Protein backbone atom coordinates (compact mmCIF):
# COMPACT_ATOMS: atom_id res chain seq x y z
CA MET A 1 128.09 76.01 -21.39
CA LYS A 2 131.12 78.26 -20.97
CA GLU A 3 134.34 78.21 -23.03
CA TYR A 4 137.68 77.26 -21.49
CA LEU A 5 141.16 77.69 -22.87
CA PHE A 6 143.73 75.06 -22.13
CA LEU A 7 147.30 76.15 -22.33
CA PHE A 8 149.79 73.24 -22.69
CA ARG A 9 153.16 73.57 -21.05
CA GLY A 10 156.21 71.31 -20.76
CA GLY A 11 157.06 67.97 -22.25
CA ASP A 12 159.13 69.16 -25.18
CA GLN A 13 162.52 68.55 -23.69
CA LEU A 14 161.81 64.84 -23.24
CA GLN A 15 160.59 64.32 -26.80
CA SER A 16 164.16 64.44 -28.15
CA ASP A 17 164.93 61.19 -26.31
CA TRP A 18 161.96 59.29 -27.84
CA SER A 19 162.08 56.92 -30.67
CA PRO A 20 159.90 57.61 -33.72
CA GLU A 21 157.49 54.83 -32.59
CA GLN A 22 157.16 56.41 -29.11
CA MET A 23 156.46 59.76 -30.70
CA GLN A 24 153.89 58.33 -33.05
CA ALA A 25 152.14 56.50 -30.16
CA HIS A 26 152.07 59.72 -28.13
CA MET A 27 150.64 61.78 -31.03
CA LYS A 28 147.97 59.00 -31.48
CA ARG A 29 146.87 59.53 -27.95
CA TRP A 30 146.58 63.27 -28.67
CA MET A 31 144.44 62.60 -31.72
CA GLU A 32 142.28 60.15 -29.80
CA TRP A 33 141.77 62.56 -26.90
CA MET A 34 140.89 65.47 -29.18
CA GLY A 35 138.71 63.22 -31.38
CA ALA A 36 136.69 62.17 -28.32
CA LEU A 37 136.16 65.78 -27.39
CA GLN A 38 135.08 66.53 -30.96
CA GLU A 39 132.63 63.60 -30.91
CA ARG A 40 131.10 65.03 -27.74
CA GLY A 41 130.73 68.40 -29.45
CA VAL A 42 132.86 70.28 -26.95
CA LEU A 43 136.03 70.87 -28.94
CA LEU A 44 136.10 74.34 -30.51
CA ALA A 45 139.72 74.81 -31.57
CA ALA A 46 143.17 73.24 -30.89
CA GLN A 47 146.72 73.86 -32.43
CA PRO A 48 150.32 73.48 -31.46
CA LEU A 49 152.43 76.61 -31.28
CA GLY A 50 155.79 77.26 -32.84
CA ASN A 51 158.82 78.37 -30.77
CA SER A 52 159.39 81.50 -32.81
CA GLY A 53 157.30 84.69 -32.68
CA ARG A 54 157.30 88.36 -31.66
CA GLN A 55 156.59 89.79 -28.21
CA ILE A 56 155.43 93.40 -27.91
CA SER A 57 155.81 94.97 -24.53
CA GLY A 58 155.67 98.24 -22.64
CA ASN A 59 154.35 101.61 -23.81
CA SER A 60 157.33 101.92 -26.16
CA THR A 61 155.88 99.01 -28.05
CA MET A 62 159.33 97.32 -28.12
CA ILE A 63 159.32 94.25 -30.32
CA THR A 64 161.42 91.23 -29.25
CA GLU A 65 161.94 88.27 -31.65
CA GLY A 66 161.70 84.70 -30.57
CA PRO A 67 162.35 81.82 -30.14
CA PHE A 68 160.57 81.80 -26.79
CA ILE A 69 161.58 78.36 -25.50
CA GLU A 70 162.07 79.32 -21.80
CA LYS A 71 161.02 76.76 -19.24
CA GLY A 72 157.27 76.35 -19.02
CA ALA A 73 156.65 77.94 -22.49
CA VAL A 74 153.25 77.44 -23.98
CA GLY A 75 153.46 74.68 -26.61
CA GLY A 76 149.82 74.65 -27.72
CA TYR A 77 146.29 75.41 -26.88
CA LEU A 78 142.76 74.05 -27.00
CA VAL A 79 139.46 75.74 -26.63
CA CYS A 80 136.56 73.66 -25.39
CA LYS A 81 133.10 73.97 -23.91
CA ALA A 82 132.36 72.86 -20.33
CA SER A 83 129.70 73.46 -17.74
CA ASP A 84 132.10 74.78 -15.15
CA TYR A 85 135.76 74.70 -13.98
CA GLU A 86 135.33 71.22 -12.50
CA ASP A 87 134.02 69.88 -15.76
CA ALA A 88 136.90 71.61 -17.64
CA ALA A 89 139.44 70.20 -15.10
CA CYS A 90 137.94 66.74 -15.64
CA ILE A 91 138.50 67.10 -19.49
CA ALA A 92 142.13 68.34 -18.85
CA LYS A 93 143.02 65.39 -16.55
CA ASN A 94 143.08 63.10 -19.64
CA CYS A 95 145.40 65.29 -21.71
CA PRO A 96 148.40 63.45 -23.07
CA ILE A 97 150.76 66.34 -21.99
CA LEU A 98 150.34 64.94 -18.46
CA GLU A 99 152.37 61.86 -19.48
CA PHE A 100 155.39 64.03 -18.93
CA VAL A 101 156.77 64.83 -15.52
CA ASN A 102 156.75 68.48 -16.33
CA GLY A 103 153.61 68.38 -18.46
CA LYS A 104 150.94 70.95 -17.36
CA VAL A 105 147.54 72.04 -18.51
CA GLU A 106 146.54 75.61 -17.43
CA VAL A 107 142.76 75.92 -17.58
CA ARG A 108 141.31 79.41 -18.00
CA GLU A 109 137.71 80.53 -18.51
CA VAL A 110 137.16 82.64 -21.67
CA LEU A 111 135.05 85.57 -20.55
CA GLU A 112 132.50 87.32 -22.71
CA MET A 113 133.35 90.85 -23.83
CA LYS A 114 130.44 93.09 -24.71
CA MET A 115 131.28 95.22 -27.72
CA PRO A 116 129.70 98.65 -27.82
């Protein structure tokens, strides 16, 4: 099996309109989805990401401080095992982020890097 990284984008702007009960129900769906992946033995890691951070860019190593809340910003990630992209996409199709109109899951294969 290969490893795949899911990057979760969108959904955060709608959360401010939700009641505490709606938020709790949504978070329950996340826990159930990730729990099912863990039971199948394919979940390797998953965490939400904060809006603040540092960005290092260019050969001058310029450091820019966040928050990085631009449209489509990554709000979290998950790493799982899947047999191929089709299998990984099937897993991603059940992600609760897709309940939002602007919710997206970017699926990327994690490649092996041989160290010398």
